[in-house]
Amino acid sequence: MVASEKQVKDINKKHKIKSQKLKQKVDASIAKATEERGLVLLITGNGKGKSTAGFGVVTRCVGHGYKAAVAQFIKGDWECGERHLLASHGVPFSVMATGFTWDTQDREGDIKAATEVWTEAKKYLADARYHVVLLDELTYMLGYKYLDKEDVIHAIINRPAEQTVVITGRGAGKDLKQIADTISEIKDEKHAYRAGIKARKGVDW
């Protein structure tokens, strides 16, 4: 059924009124946001895309001409498309070369590797030149007790005021949630892996 000219006008009028009300609410919210400082962004949950989202923030940062740094826990030295791109644009990476803990099965070695990466990460967190620091898969390091939780929280809280920290990983604990300004939880509803589909270069890694 084709709407009449009058019906179209009524629909457009209602849409305009609704949009004006929405704009007023959005403008009011923006006006209230007067504080300017770096943030702690926590991206957690059991769904796919947490690291991808974190690297998106780093890419945005670099795209605006700011400096960023990345500390990668868990994933090791296997090929990483984001690392190829961002390293070529001057982004330093510190990578936990042992890879996945279920592959290494070496707690002592994993703790040593995690500590080495964390030592570099603390340097990033203390350096005001970095507008964004990504701590990829950090949540696992605290969950496994590979790193001292108080040391991690202290370093994040006491970073330069303008620096934003992005933390990714499953199972974020209450301590990380307490210091986070924004928490996004990615839910797993369906995953190609469970259907027997292999991870794809340029898409998954």
Foldseek 3Di string as FASTA:
>chain_A
DDDDPVVVVVVVVVVVVVVVVVVVVVVVVVVVPDDAWAFEEEEAADAPCQVVVVLVVVVVCVVVVAAEEEEEAQAADPDDPSCVVVVVSVHYYQYLHVHHCVVNVDLVSSLVSVVVSVVVLLVVQADPSHQEYEYEAVQVCVVVVSDDPVVVLVSNVPGDTRHYYYYYYYDHDPSSVVRGPHYHYDYHDDDVVVVVDDDDPPHRD
